[in-house]
């Protein structure tokens, strides 16, 4: 059975404060209500949370605008990472999020490591498209080239 609740705080996948959403009765009773994340829908609660909701919407718009600026910067970057390669052409180690962030920082782009969507470290030479989630509505694609480190030979 579904019940309507008024969100008092942002809940990933549900909405932001002030939203009225339908959730399972058990989810509301056992998780949302005890943690103070949501409450029953009443007129008093709606008025109380409306100001907070408007502030949050304005903040989200600012964050989205900043993310779109960063998107333009990232889309123009082509990242080349050198990796040590053995006699057989197999790469030693792997390229992960820290190496990608370091290359971005060299080009003046500072982002949080949690924004880089990389399922597993890259273990081979080649060209890869890495998704960077800048905002819930804005994602950038960074082209990463992993090439052989010529200085080693």
C-alpha atoms as a PDB file:
ATOM      1  CA  UNK A   1       0.000   0.000   0.000  1.00  0.00           C
ATOM      2  CA  UNK A   2       1.345   3.432  -0.937  1.00  0.00           C
ATOM      3  CA  UNK A   3       1.130   6.555   1.199  1.00  0.00           C
ATOM      4  CA  UNK A   4       1.840  10.186   0.385  1.00  0.00           C
ATOM      5  CA  UNK A   5       4.622  11.826   2.390  1.00  0.00           C
ATOM      6  CA  UNK A   6       6.104  15.309   2.471  1.00  0.00           C
ATOM      7  CA  UNK A   7       9.885  15.220   2.117  1.00  0.00           C
ATOM      8  CA  UNK A   8      11.688  17.313   4.737  1.00  0.00           C
ATOM      9  CA  UNK A   9      15.102  16.763   3.146  1.00  0.00           C
ATOM     10  CA  UNK A  10      16.532  15.662  -0.196  1.00  0.00           C
ATOM     11  CA  UNK A  11      16.294  11.915  -0.809  1.00  0.00           C
ATOM     12  CA  UNK A  12      18.292  10.478  -3.716  1.00  0.00           C
ATOM     13  CA  UNK A  13      15.913   8.974  -6.243  1.00  0.00           C
ATOM     14  CA  UNK A  14      12.781  10.420  -4.587  1.00  0.00           C
ATOM     15  CA  UNK A  15      13.034  14.202  -4.651  1.00  0.00           C
ATOM     16  CA  UNK A  16      13.975  17.327  -2.749  1.00  0.00           C
ATOM     17  CA  UNK A  17      12.494  18.898   0.358  1.00  0.00           C
ATOM     18  CA  UNK A  18       8.922  20.043  -0.108  1.00  0.00           C
ATOM     19  CA  UNK A  19       8.070  17.380  -2.673  1.00  0.00           C
ATOM     20  CA  UNK A  20       5.026  15.248  -2.001  1.00  0.00           C
ATOM     21  CA  UNK A  21       5.766  11.699  -3.108  1.00  0.00           C
ATOM     22  CA  UNK A  22       4.102   8.292  -2.908  1.00  0.00           C
ATOM     23  CA  UNK A  23       6.132   5.615  -1.163  1.00  0.00           C
ATOM     24  CA  UNK A  24       5.445   2.193   0.291  1.00  0.00           C
ATOM     25  CA  UNK A  25       3.798   2.332   3.716  1.00  0.00           C
ATOM     26  CA  UNK A  26       6.601   0.309   5.349  1.00  0.00           C
ATOM     27  CA  UNK A  27       9.331   2.494   3.830  1.00  0.00           C
ATOM     28  CA  UNK A  28       7.663   5.611   5.224  1.00  0.00           C
ATOM     29  CA  UNK A  29       6.904   4.132   8.655  1.00  0.00           C
ATOM     30  CA  UNK A  30      10.197   2.288   9.187  1.00  0.00           C
ATOM     31  CA  UNK A  31      12.743   4.551   7.487  1.00  0.00           C
ATOM     32  CA  UNK A  32      11.583   8.021   6.420  1.00  0.00           C
ATOM     33  CA  UNK A  33       9.540   9.013   9.499  1.00  0.00           C
ATOM     34  CA  UNK A  34      11.995   7.789  12.205  1.00  0.00           C
ATOM     35  CA  UNK A  35      14.935   9.556  10.518  1.00  0.00           C
ATOM     36  CA  UNK A  36      12.967  12.806  10.149  1.00  0.00           C
ATOM     37  CA  UNK A  37      13.437  12.757   6.381  1.00  0.00           C
ATOM     38  CA  UNK A  38       9.694  12.905   5.699  1.00  0.00           C
ATOM     39  CA  UNK A  39       6.448  13.584   7.501  1.00  0.00           C
ATOM     40  CA  UNK A  40       2.739  13.158   6.949  1.00  0.00           C
ATOM     41  CA  UNK A  41       1.232  15.638   4.522  1.00  0.00           C
ATOM     42  CA  UNK A  42      -0.436  18.527   6.406  1.00  0.00           C
ATOM     43  CA  UNK A  43      -1.069  22.157   5.418  1.00  0.00           C
ATOM     44  CA  UNK A  44       1.089  23.444   8.272  1.00  0.00           C
ATOM     45  CA  UNK A  45       4.059  21.289   7.248  1.00  0.00           C
ATOM     46  CA  UNK A  46       3.634  22.343   3.596  1.00  0.00           C
ATOM     47  CA  UNK A  47       3.875  26.046   4.504  1.00  0.00           C
ATOM     48  CA  UNK A  48       6.805  25.393   6.820  1.00  0.00           C
ATOM     49  CA  UNK A  49       8.878  23.589   4.199  1.00  0.00           C
ATOM     50  CA  UNK A  50       7.968  25.749   1.162  1.00  0.00           C
ATOM     51  CA  UNK A  51      10.609  28.446   1.858  1.00  0.00           C
ATOM     52  CA  UNK A  52      13.314  25.787   2.283  1.00  0.00           C
ATOM     53  CA  UNK A  53      12.186  24.183  -0.974  1.00  0.00           C
ATOM     54  CA  UNK A  54      12.448  27.437  -2.938  1.00  0.00           C
ATOM     55  CA  UNK A  55      15.962  28.063  -1.565  1.00  0.00           C
ATOM     56  CA  UNK A  56      16.969  24.523  -2.525  1.00  0.00           C
ATOM     57  CA  UNK A  57      15.602  24.925  -6.067  1.00  0.00           C
ATOM     58  CA  UNK A  58      17.609  28.147  -6.498  1.00  0.00           C
ATOM     59  CA  UNK A  59      20.732  26.385  -5.194  1.00  0.00           C
ATOM     60  CA  UNK A  60      20.191  23.466  -7.602  1.00  0.00           C
ATOM     61  CA  UNK A  61      19.897  25.921 -10.517  1.00  0.00           C
ATOM     62  CA  UNK A  62      23.196  27.577  -9.532  1.00  0.00           C
ATOM     63  CA  UNK A  63      24.886  24.178  -9.237  1.00  0.00           C
ATOM     64  CA  UNK A  64      23.511  23.163 -12.637  1.00  0.00           C
ATOM     65  CA  UNK A  65      24.820  26.354 -14.264  1.00  0.00           C
ATOM     66  CA  UNK A  66      28.268  25.772 -12.721  1.00  0.00           C
ATOM     67  CA  UNK A  67      28.183  22.133 -13.883  1.00  0.00           C
ATOM     68  CA  UNK A  68      27.354  23.221 -17.442  1.00  0.00           C
ATOM     69  CA  UNK A  69      30.348  25.603 -17.429  1.00  0.00           C
ATOM     70  CA  UNK A  70      32.575  22.762 -16.235  1.00  0.00           C
ATOM     71  CA  UNK A  71      31.051  20.495 -18.905  1.00  0.00           C
ATOM     72  CA  UNK A  72      32.246  22.867 -21.650  1.00  0.00           C
ATOM     73  CA  UNK A  73      35.743  22.868 -20.149  1.00  0.00           C
ATOM     74  CA  UNK A  74      35.908  19.061 -19.838  1.00  0.00           C
ATOM     75  CA  UNK A  75      34.514  18.382 -23.319  1.00  0.00           C
ATOM     76  CA  UNK A  76      37.457  20.375 -24.752  1.00  0.00           C
ATOM     77  CA  UNK A  77      40.081  18.329 -22.894  1.00  0.00           C
ATOM     78  CA  UNK A  78      41.765  15.283 -24.350  1.00  0.00           C
ATOM     79  CA  UNK A  79      43.650  13.445 -21.632  1.00  0.00           C
ATOM     80  CA  UNK A  80      46.751  11.388 -22.469  1.00  0.00           C
ATOM     81  CA  UNK A  81      48.191   9.070 -19.825  1.00  0.00           C
ATOM     82  CA  UNK A  82      51.486   7.249 -20.292  1.00  0.00           C
ATOM     83  CA  UNK A  83      51.735   3.728 -18.907  1.00  0.00           C
ATOM     84  CA  UNK A  84      54.647   1.337 -18.557  1.00  0.00           C
ATOM     85  CA  UNK A  85      54.387  -1.584 -20.946  1.00  0.00           C
ATOM     86  CA  UNK A  86      56.254  -4.904 -20.887  1.00  0.00           C
ATOM     87  CA  UNK A  87      58.003  -6.734 -23.721  1.00  0.00           C
ATOM     88  CA  UNK A  88      54.763  -8.426 -24.751  1.00  0.00           C
ATOM     89  CA  UNK A  89      52.855  -5.143 -24.961  1.00  0.00           C
ATOM     90  CA  UNK A  90      50.943  -5.847 -21.745  1.00  0.00           C
ATOM     91  CA  UNK A  91      50.491  -2.874 -19.444  1.00  0.00           C
ATOM     92  CA  UNK A  92      52.023  -2.922 -15.953  1.00  0.00           C
ATOM     93  CA  UNK A  93      49.376  -1.953 -13.396  1.00  0.00           C
ATOM     94  CA  UNK A  94      46.326   0.028 -14.398  1.00  0.00           C
ATOM     95  CA  UNK A  95      44.959   3.529 -14.832  1.00  0.00           C
ATOM     96  CA  UNK A  96      42.321   4.486 -12.295  1.00  0.00           C
ATOM     97  CA  UNK A  97      40.412   7.519 -11.089  1.00  0.00           C
ATOM     98  CA  UNK A  98      43.414   9.144  -9.287  1.00  0.00           C
ATOM     99  CA  UNK A  99      45.466   9.245 -12.510  1.00  0.00           C
ATOM    100  CA  UNK A 100      42.551  10.735 -14.431  1.00  0.00           C
ATOM    101  CA  UNK A 101      41.964  13.384 -11.737  1.00  0.00           C
ATOM    102  CA  UNK A 102      45.667  14.258 -11.739  1.00  0.00           C
ATOM    103  CA  UNK A 103      45.627  14.849 -15.512  1.00  0.00           C
ATOM    104  CA  UNK A 104      42.489  16.991 -15.194  1.00  0.00           C
ATOM    105  CA  UNK A 105      44.092  19.022 -12.385  1.00  0.00           C
ATOM    106  CA  UNK A 106      47.121  19.677 -14.637  1.00  0.00           C
ATOM    107  CA  UNK A 107      44.694  21.292 -17.076  1.00  0.00           C
ATOM    108  CA  UNK A 108      42.996  23.386 -14.393  1.00  0.00           C
ATOM    109  CA  UNK A 109      39.906  21.259 -13.755  1.00  0.00           C
ATOM    110  CA  UNK A 110      39.323  20.228 -10.137  1.00  0.00           C
ATOM    111  CA  UNK A 111      36.514  17.724  -9.537  1.00  0.00           C
ATOM    112  CA  UNK A 112      35.549  15.313  -6.775  1.00  0.00           C
ATOM    113  CA  UNK A 113      36.650  11.699  -7.264  1.00  0.00           C
ATOM    114  CA  UNK A 114      33.083  10.475  -6.699  1.00  0.00           C
ATOM    115  CA  UNK A 115      31.944  12.233  -9.867  1.00  0.00           C
ATOM    116  CA  UNK A 116      34.086  10.036 -12.138  1.00  0.00           C
ATOM    117  CA  UNK A 117      32.112   6.989 -13.303  1.00  0.00           C
ATOM    118  CA  UNK A 118      34.644   4.206 -13.842  1.00  0.00           C
ATOM    119  CA  UNK A 119      33.448   0.631 -13.273  1.00  0.00           C
ATOM    120  CA  UNK A 120      36.975  -0.781 -13.061  1.00  0.00           C
ATOM    121  CA  UNK A 121      40.517   0.498 -13.614  1.00  0.00           C
ATOM    122  CA  UNK A 122      41.702   0.493 -17.218  1.00  0.00           C
ATOM    123  CA  UNK A 123      44.201  -2.316 -17.923  1.00  0.00           C
ATOM    124  CA  UNK A 124      45.018  -1.829 -21.605  1.00  0.00           C
ATOM    125  CA  UNK A 125      46.297   0.735 -24.054  1.00  0.00           C
ATOM    126  CA  UNK A 126      43.752   2.572 -26.170  1.00  0.00           C
ATOM    127  CA  UNK A 127      41.134   5.305 -26.229  1.00  0.00           C
ATOM    128  CA  UNK A 128      38.375   5.353 -23.616  1.00  0.00           C
ATOM    129  CA  UNK A 129      35.330   7.546 -23.022  1.00  0.00           C
ATOM    130  CA  UNK A 130      34.993   8.216 -19.289  1.00  0.00           C
ATOM    131  CA  UNK A 131      31.721   9.606 -17.919  1.00  0.00           C
ATOM    132  CA  UNK A 132      31.930  12.392 -15.355  1.00  0.00           C
ATOM    133  CA  UNK A 133      28.665  13.068 -13.509  1.00  0.00           C
ATOM    134  CA  UNK A 134      28.844  16.781 -12.680  1.00  0.00           C
ATOM    135  CA  UNK A 135      25.202  17.207 -11.585  1.00  0.00           C
ATOM    136  CA  UNK A 136      22.121  14.966 -11.564  1.00  0.00           C
ATOM    137  CA  UNK A 137      21.163  16.471 -14.943  1.00  0.00           C
ATOM    138  CA  UNK A 138      24.643  17.143 -16.397  1.00  0.00           C
ATOM    139  CA  UNK A 139      27.221  14.531 -17.477  1.00  0.00           C
ATOM    140  CA  UNK A 140      30.452  15.113 -19.370  1.00  0.00           C
ATOM    141  CA  UNK A 141      32.421  12.624 -21.440  1.00  0.00           C
ATOM    142  CA  UNK A 142      36.191  12.783 -21.147  1.00  0.00           C
ATOM    143  CA  UNK A 143      38.256  11.128 -23.863  1.00  0.00           C
ATOM    144  CA  UNK A 144      41.265   9.369 -22.290  1.00  0.00           C
ATOM    145  CA  UNK A 145      44.169   8.010 -24.329  1.00  0.00           C
ATOM    146  CA  UNK A 146      46.371   5.459 -22.609  1.00  0.00           C
ATOM    147  CA  UNK A 147      49.659   5.263 -24.485  1.00  0.00           C
ATOM    148  CA  UNK A 148      52.956   3.433 -24.062  1.00  0.00           C
ATOM    149  CA  UNK A 149      55.548   5.237 -21.934  1.00  0.00           C
ATOM    150  CA  UNK A 150      58.419   5.690 -24.441  1.00  0.00           C
ATOM    151  CA  UNK A 151      60.974   6.793 -21.803  1.00  0.00           C
ATOM    152  CA  UNK A 152      61.207   3.297 -20.295  1.00  0.00           C
ATOM    153  CA  UNK A 153      62.688   1.623 -23.387  1.00  0.00           C
END
